[in-house]
C-alpha atoms as a PDB file:
ATOM      1  CA  MET A   1      18.710 -13.294  10.787  1.00  0.00           C
ATOM      2  CA  ASN A   2      19.700  -9.359  11.499  1.00  0.00           C
ATOM      3  CA  ARG A   3      22.401  -7.158  12.515  1.00  0.00           C
ATOM      4  CA  ILE A   4      20.365  -4.886  15.131  1.00  0.00           C
ATOM      5  CA  LYS A   5      22.852  -5.213  18.397  1.00  0.00           C
ATOM      6  CA  GLU A   6      26.002  -5.505  16.172  1.00  0.00           C
ATOM      7  CA  VAL A   7      24.924  -1.567  14.612  1.00  0.00           C
ATOM      8  CA  LEU A   8      24.095  -0.680  18.411  1.00  0.00           C
ATOM      9  CA  VAL A   9      27.208  -1.133  18.737  1.00  0.00           C
ATOM     10  CA  GLU A  10      28.344   0.635  15.647  1.00  0.00           C
ATOM     11  CA  LYS A  11      26.717   3.479  16.612  1.00  0.00           C
ATOM     12  CA  GLY A  12      27.361   4.082  20.356  1.00  0.00           C
ATOM     13  CA  GLN A  13      23.930   3.583  20.878  1.00  0.00           C
ATOM     14  CA  THR A  14      22.078   0.820  23.758  1.00  0.00           C
ATOM     15  CA  GLN A  15      18.720  -0.791  23.213  1.00  0.00           C
ATOM     16  CA  ILE A  16      17.094   1.302  25.720  1.00  0.00           C
ATOM     17  CA  TRP A  17      17.513   4.030  23.518  1.00  0.00           C
ATOM     18  CA  LEU A  18      16.111   2.460  20.546  1.00  0.00           C
ATOM     19  CA  ALA A  19      13.346   1.299  22.350  1.00  0.00           C
ATOM     20  CA  LYS A  20      12.555   4.690  23.477  1.00  0.00           C
ATOM     21  CA  LYS A  21      12.683   5.473  19.635  1.00  0.00           C
ATOM     22  CA  LEU A  22      10.496   2.729  18.594  1.00  0.00           C
ATOM     23  CA  GLY A  23       8.026   3.308  21.014  1.00  0.00           C
ATOM     24  CA  LYS A  24       8.346  -0.443  22.253  1.00  0.00           C
ATOM     25  CA  SER A  25       9.228  -2.404  24.932  1.00  0.00           C
ATOM     26  CA  TYR A  26      13.387  -2.977  26.028  1.00  0.00           C
ATOM     27  CA  ASN A  27      12.549  -6.441  26.413  1.00  0.00           C
ATOM     28  CA  MET A  28      10.442  -6.610  22.259  1.00  0.00           C
ATOM     29  CA  VAL A  29      14.002  -5.046  21.138  1.00  0.00           C
ATOM     30  CA  ASN A  30      16.182  -6.840  23.105  1.00  0.00           C
ATOM     31  CA  SER A  31      14.105 -10.026  21.962  1.00  0.00           C
ATOM     32  CA  TYR A  32      14.917  -8.703  17.807  1.00  0.00           C
ATOM     33  CA  ALA A  33      18.701  -7.432  19.528  1.00  0.00           C
ATOM     34  CA  LYS A  34      19.401 -11.030  20.246  1.00  0.00           C
ATOM     35  CA  ASN A  35      17.473 -12.651  17.277  1.00  0.00           C
ATOM     36  CA  ARG A  36      15.125 -14.096  19.678  1.00  0.00           C
ATOM     37  CA  ARG A  37      12.511 -12.801  17.595  1.00  0.00           C
ATOM     38  CA  GLN A  38      12.419 -10.578  14.107  1.00  0.00           C
ATOM     39  CA  PRO A  39      11.038  -7.630  13.377  1.00  0.00           C
ATOM     40  CA  SER A  40       8.285  -6.502  11.106  1.00  0.00           C
ATOM     41  CA  ILE A  41       9.924  -5.176   7.509  1.00  0.00           C
ATOM     42  CA  GLU A  42       7.816  -2.324   8.956  1.00  0.00           C
ATOM     43  CA  ILE A  43      10.004  -2.166  11.811  1.00  0.00           C
ATOM     44  CA  LEU A  44      13.093  -3.258  10.266  1.00  0.00           C
ATOM     45  CA  PHE A  45      12.620   0.144   8.350  1.00  0.00           C
ATOM     46  CA  LYS A  46      11.677   2.334  11.051  1.00  0.00           C
ATOM     47  CA  ILE A  47      15.000   0.312  12.691  1.00  0.00           C
ATOM     48  CA  ALA A  48      17.077   1.523   9.809  1.00  0.00           C
ATOM     49  CA  GLU A  49      15.729   5.136   9.380  1.00  0.00           C
ATOM     50  CA  ILE A  50      16.729   5.441  13.364  1.00  0.00           C
ATOM     51  CA  LEU A  51      20.193   4.109  13.192  1.00  0.00           C
ATOM     52  CA  ASP A  52      20.810   6.222   9.734  1.00  0.00           C
ATOM     53  CA  ILE A  53      21.379   3.321   7.613  1.00  0.00           C
ATOM     54  CA  GLU A  54      20.388   1.385   5.091  1.00  0.00           C
ATOM     55  CA  ALA A  55      17.166  -1.702   5.985  1.00  0.00           C
ATOM     56  CA  ARG A  56      19.697  -4.277   4.236  1.00  0.00           C
ATOM     57  CA  ASP A  57      22.513  -3.411   6.209  1.00  0.00           C
ATOM     58  CA  LEU A  58      20.283  -4.759   9.320  1.00  0.00           C
ATOM     59  CA  ILE A  59      19.889  -8.130   7.203  1.00  0.00           C
ATOM     60  CA  VAL A  60      22.161 -10.967   7.487  1.00  0.00           C
ATOM     61  CA  SER A  61      22.275 -12.611   4.202  1.00  0.00           C
ATOM     62  CA  ASN A  62      21.294 -16.572   3.731  1.00  0.00           C
ATOM     63  CA  LYS A  63      24.551 -16.999   1.717  1.00  0.00           C
ATOM     64  CA  ASN A  64      26.793 -16.035   5.106  1.00  0.00           C
ATOM     65  CA  LEU A  65      24.649 -18.065   7.107  1.00  0.00           C
ATOM     66  CA  ASN A  66      24.638 -21.028   5.024  1.00  0.00           C
ATOM     67  CA  ALA A  67      28.638 -20.806   4.911  1.00  0.00           C
ATOM     68  CA  GLN A  68      29.202 -20.718   8.244  1.00  0.00           C
ATOM     69  CA  LYS A  69      27.791 -23.841   9.012  1.00  0.00           C
END
């Protein structure tokens, strides 16, 4: 699971903006943001760089997921 959608909101940016910066389609970025699909490690690091955050801040810990169940 990732936090791309939440971080975009925190940064005041849109999925369309991120798609343009990544050179990916809006549909692909939307799939990442809705956790229907996970980006590769390389793309995750590129997203983090674009958003000026650490890559680890885009990832939801398995511990957090297990605690929610």
